[in-house]
């Protein structure tokens, strides 16, 4: 299985323009024969909690239909970030597109404390069975809560994919935390992060892949958009960037 993580710079609050940028990287992942591609936290809006109420939508938003079409035609699973709404509640969500299947909304279960005044915690723990792998998606602060990776381990996850916003000040802690999860839970682990600015943060990039021993086996830089792709069979690492 080939898994891609996308490192992007988001345009604040502009879902339509961010969708176009996502298409670019999804198509790049398809060209590299990826079976799955995952983007950073709230990737379609940028990490903008103050705008979440006005931007919140749901998995059936017609603006997302072309992503489903790309998934269907190319047999690729796609994970993108978006604020979602259910009645009065707003969630930090990942919309997951799978070929010829109903879309899945996975909502962040463990909120970063400042998020609690805006967002509601999700209550839908999830692992995905894709080919021979069991994949656990994580959204940013969830990597700090042991219950999240424990659930993944208890449900036999072989791959842990963290969709994050990590700032320049927080990146070293984030990288160590994910390396420890990979090692302690014996899971191939990925992190998809932003570059540029989002939510008032200077984002650190360095989207990464660790093997089951917690060893860093691939990493992007701190400035450029790009993809990092890992082949679970051949152990090959492929990178693609704008530069």
Protein backbone atom coordinates (compact mmCIF):
# COMPACT_ATOMS: atom_id res chain seq x y z
CA UNK A 1 0.00 0.00 0.00
CA UNK A 2 1.23 3.49 -0.83
CA UNK A 3 0.32 6.25 1.62
CA UNK A 4 0.86 9.94 0.85
CA UNK A 5 0.74 12.86 3.23
CA UNK A 6 0.33 16.37 1.84
CA UNK A 7 2.04 19.43 3.27
CA UNK A 8 0.26 22.60 2.13
CA UNK A 9 -0.11 26.31 2.73
CA UNK A 10 -3.76 27.19 3.28
CA UNK A 11 -5.56 30.32 2.12
CA UNK A 12 -7.41 31.67 5.15
CA UNK A 13 -11.10 30.82 5.02
CA UNK A 14 -11.22 30.27 1.25
CA UNK A 15 -12.59 26.76 0.84
CA UNK A 16 -12.93 26.98 -2.95
CA UNK A 17 -9.31 28.03 -3.55
CA UNK A 18 -8.05 25.49 -1.04
CA UNK A 19 -10.03 22.79 -2.85
CA UNK A 20 -8.20 23.69 -6.06
CA UNK A 21 -4.85 23.34 -4.31
CA UNK A 22 -5.95 20.00 -2.87
CA UNK A 23 -6.78 18.77 -6.38
CA UNK A 24 -3.22 19.56 -7.46
CA UNK A 25 -1.72 17.41 -4.73
CA UNK A 26 -4.31 14.64 -4.99
CA UNK A 27 -3.49 14.34 -8.69
CA UNK A 28 0.22 14.27 -7.85
CA UNK A 29 -0.47 11.46 -5.38
CA UNK A 30 -2.42 9.59 -8.07
CA UNK A 31 0.47 9.98 -10.52
CA UNK A 32 2.69 8.37 -7.90
CA UNK A 33 0.23 5.47 -7.50
CA UNK A 34 -0.77 6.34 -3.94
CA UNK A 35 -3.65 4.39 -2.41
CA UNK A 36 -4.34 7.07 0.20
CA UNK A 37 -3.54 10.76 0.70
CA UNK A 38 -4.16 12.77 3.90
CA UNK A 39 -3.97 16.55 4.44
CA UNK A 40 -3.39 18.70 7.58
CA UNK A 41 -5.97 19.62 10.21
CA UNK A 42 -8.83 21.76 8.80
CA UNK A 43 -6.95 21.83 5.50
CA UNK A 44 -9.83 23.11 3.37
CA UNK A 45 -10.43 26.21 5.50
CA UNK A 46 -7.07 26.66 7.16
CA UNK A 47 -6.86 26.35 10.94
CA UNK A 48 -9.13 29.29 11.68
CA UNK A 49 -11.29 28.63 14.76
CA UNK A 50 -12.72 32.17 14.67
CA UNK A 51 -14.16 31.48 11.20
CA UNK A 52 -15.38 27.97 11.92
CA UNK A 53 -18.99 28.88 12.63
CA UNK A 54 -19.39 30.72 9.33
CA UNK A 55 -17.51 28.06 7.32
CA UNK A 56 -18.89 24.88 8.89
CA UNK A 57 -20.61 22.49 6.50
CA UNK A 58 -20.98 18.71 6.16
CA UNK A 59 -19.67 15.75 4.19
CA UNK A 60 -22.39 16.11 1.55
CA UNK A 61 -21.36 19.64 0.53
CA UNK A 62 -21.50 19.59 -3.29
CA UNK A 63 -18.16 21.42 -3.46
CA UNK A 64 -16.63 18.11 -2.39
CA UNK A 65 -18.21 16.03 -5.15
CA UNK A 66 -15.18 16.19 -7.43
CA UNK A 67 -13.03 14.75 -4.63
CA UNK A 68 -15.38 11.78 -4.47
CA UNK A 69 -15.11 11.46 -8.23
CA UNK A 70 -11.29 11.45 -8.06
CA UNK A 71 -11.48 8.81 -5.34
CA UNK A 72 -13.83 6.64 -7.39
CA UNK A 73 -11.97 6.92 -10.69
CA UNK A 74 -8.51 6.39 -9.23
CA UNK A 75 -9.28 4.04 -6.34
CA UNK A 76 -7.65 6.35 -3.82
CA UNK A 77 -8.75 7.16 -0.27
CA UNK A 78 -8.60 10.90 0.50
CA UNK A 79 -8.65 12.58 3.92
CA UNK A 80 -9.25 16.35 4.08
CA UNK A 81 -9.91 18.71 6.98
CA UNK A 82 -13.02 20.84 7.38
CA UNK A 83 -15.16 22.34 10.16
CA UNK A 84 -18.49 20.53 10.17
CA UNK A 85 -21.84 21.27 11.74
CA UNK A 86 -24.55 19.09 13.22
CA UNK A 87 -27.47 21.13 14.51
CA UNK A 88 -25.85 23.68 16.85
CA UNK A 89 -22.58 21.83 17.31
CA UNK A 90 -19.42 22.56 15.31
CA UNK A 91 -16.65 19.99 14.97
CA UNK A 92 -13.02 19.80 13.84
CA UNK A 93 -13.45 17.07 11.24
CA UNK A 94 -11.70 14.97 8.64
CA UNK A 95 -13.85 14.03 5.66
CA UNK A 96 -12.74 10.67 4.28
CA UNK A 97 -13.52 9.72 0.68
CA UNK A 98 -13.23 6.06 -0.31
CA UNK A 99 -13.85 4.60 -3.77
CA UNK A 100 -17.57 3.99 -4.32
CA UNK A 101 -18.38 4.23 -0.60
CA UNK A 102 -20.33 6.69 1.49
CA UNK A 103 -18.18 9.51 2.83
CA UNK A 104 -17.07 9.32 6.47
CA UNK A 105 -16.83 12.26 8.86
CA UNK A 106 -14.31 11.66 11.63
CA UNK A 107 -14.46 14.43 14.26
CA UNK A 108 -11.71 15.32 16.71
CA UNK A 109 -12.45 13.62 20.01
CA UNK A 110 -9.83 15.32 22.19
CA UNK A 111 -9.86 19.10 21.78
CA UNK A 112 -6.99 21.50 22.41
CA UNK A 113 -8.23 23.45 25.49
CA UNK A 114 -8.73 26.83 23.70
CA UNK A 115 -10.88 25.04 21.09
CA UNK A 116 -13.50 24.02 23.65
CA UNK A 117 -15.29 27.38 23.55
CA UNK A 118 -15.96 26.94 19.82
CA UNK A 119 -15.98 23.24 19.00
CA UNK A 120 -17.72 20.15 20.33
CA UNK A 121 -15.70 16.98 20.85
CA UNK A 122 -16.49 14.13 18.49
CA UNK A 123 -17.73 10.80 19.81
CA UNK A 124 -16.99 8.54 16.87
CA UNK A 125 -13.69 6.65 17.34
CA UNK A 126 -12.53 5.22 14.04
CA UNK A 127 -10.13 2.83 12.40
CA UNK A 128 -10.19 2.14 8.66
CA UNK A 129 -9.56 -1.24 7.10
CA UNK A 130 -7.84 -0.63 3.76
CA UNK A 131 -6.22 -3.51 1.90
CA UNK A 132 -4.13 -5.36 4.49
CA UNK A 133 -3.73 -2.35 6.80
CA UNK A 134 -5.73 -0.99 9.73
CA UNK A 135 -5.41 2.80 9.77
CA UNK A 136 -6.10 5.12 12.69
CA UNK A 137 -6.66 8.80 11.78
CA UNK A 138 -5.71 11.36 14.44
CA UNK A 139 -6.37 15.11 14.44
CA UNK A 140 -3.64 17.22 16.04
CA UNK A 141 -4.14 17.42 19.85
CA UNK A 142 -5.41 13.84 19.86
CA UNK A 143 -1.79 12.72 19.63
CA UNK A 144 -1.33 14.18 23.14
CA UNK A 145 -4.07 11.98 24.62
CA UNK A 146 -2.96 8.45 25.40
CA UNK A 147 -6.53 7.17 25.07
CA UNK A 148 -6.44 7.90 21.35
CA UNK A 149 -3.42 5.79 20.46
CA UNK A 150 -4.55 3.14 22.98
CA UNK A 151 -7.80 2.79 21.05
CA UNK A 152 -5.82 2.44 17.83
CA UNK A 153 -3.61 -0.23 19.37
CA UNK A 154 -6.54 -2.14 20.87
CA UNK A 155 -8.17 -2.23 17.44
CA UNK A 156 -5.02 -3.63 15.82
CA UNK A 157 -4.04 -0.49 13.93
CA UNK A 158 -0.91 -0.93 11.86
CA UNK A 159 -0.76 2.69 10.68
CA UNK A 160 -1.31 5.95 12.59
CA UNK A 161 -1.85 9.14 10.54
CA UNK A 162 -1.83 12.48 12.36
CA UNK A 163 -3.37 15.46 10.56
CA UNK A 164 -2.00 18.50 12.42
CA UNK A 165 -1.15 22.14 12.66
CA UNK A 166 2.20 22.33 14.40
CA UNK A 167 3.92 25.67 14.88
CA UNK A 168 7.62 26.46 14.81
CA UNK A 169 7.53 26.59 18.61
CA UNK A 170 5.77 23.26 18.99
CA UNK A 171 7.25 21.10 16.24
CA UNK A 172 10.07 19.44 18.21
CA UNK A 173 7.62 18.25 20.86
CA UNK A 174 5.21 17.00 18.18
CA UNK A 175 7.91 15.06 16.34
CA UNK A 176 9.09 13.36 19.53
CA UNK A 177 5.55 12.52 20.56
CA UNK A 178 4.81 10.82 17.24
CA UNK A 179 8.13 8.97 17.20
CA UNK A 180 7.24 7.60 20.65
CA UNK A 181 3.77 6.51 19.47
CA UNK A 182 5.34 4.70 16.52
CA UNK A 183 7.84 2.92 18.75
CA UNK A 184 5.63 2.16 21.75
CA UNK A 185 2.61 1.02 19.73
CA UNK A 186 4.58 -0.61 16.90
CA UNK A 187 2.72 1.42 14.25
CA UNK A 188 3.96 2.99 11.05
CA UNK A 189 3.26 6.66 11.79
CA UNK A 190 2.69 9.70 9.57
CA UNK A 191 2.27 13.43 10.25
CA UNK A 192 0.79 15.93 7.75
CA UNK A 193 1.49 19.56 8.70
CA UNK A 194 1.13 23.04 7.21
CA UNK A 195 3.70 25.52 6.00
CA UNK A 196 3.17 29.28 5.98
CA UNK A 197 0.74 30.96 8.38
CA UNK A 198 -2.56 29.66 9.70
CA UNK A 199 -4.63 30.64 12.71
CA UNK A 200 -2.02 33.17 13.77
CA UNK A 201 0.68 30.50 13.89
CA UNK A 202 3.91 30.25 11.90
CA UNK A 203 3.61 26.66 10.74
CA UNK A 204 6.66 24.43 10.85
CA UNK A 205 6.21 21.95 8.00
CA UNK A 206 8.48 18.91 8.47
CA UNK A 207 5.71 16.46 7.59
CA UNK A 208 7.19 13.08 8.48
CA UNK A 209 7.09 9.30 8.42
CA UNK A 210 8.38 6.97 11.15
CA UNK A 211 8.77 3.21 10.99
CA UNK A 212 7.44 0.83 13.65
CA UNK A 213 10.65 1.26 15.66
CA UNK A 214 10.09 5.01 15.92
CA UNK A 215 12.88 5.80 13.48
CA UNK A 216 12.37 8.82 11.23
CA UNK A 217 12.48 7.52 7.65
CA UNK A 218 11.23 10.51 5.66
CA UNK A 219 10.60 14.22 6.18
CA UNK A 220 9.74 17.29 4.10
CA UNK A 221 11.29 20.71 4.67
CA UNK A 222 9.92 23.61 6.66
CA UNK A 223 8.95 25.95 3.81
CA UNK A 224 7.69 24.11 0.75
CA UNK A 225 4.40 22.46 -0.08
CA UNK A 226 4.76 18.84 -1.10
CA UNK A 227 3.99 15.17 -0.73
CA UNK A 228 5.83 12.42 1.05
CA UNK A 229 4.81 8.92 0.00
CA UNK A 230 5.71 5.62 1.65
CA UNK A 231 5.25 2.19 0.09
CA UNK A 232 4.53 -0.31 2.85
CA UNK A 233 5.70 -3.26 0.73
CA UNK A 234 8.87 -1.97 -0.91
CA UNK A 235 9.65 0.51 1.94
CA UNK A 236 10.35 3.12 -0.74
CA UNK A 237 10.04 6.81 0.11
CA UNK A 238 9.00 9.24 -2.64
CA UNK A 239 8.81 13.02 -2.28
CA UNK A 240 7.29 15.62 -4.59
CA UNK A 241 7.46 19.37 -3.96
CA UNK A 242 6.86 22.68 -5.70
CA UNK A 243 10.56 23.47 -5.75
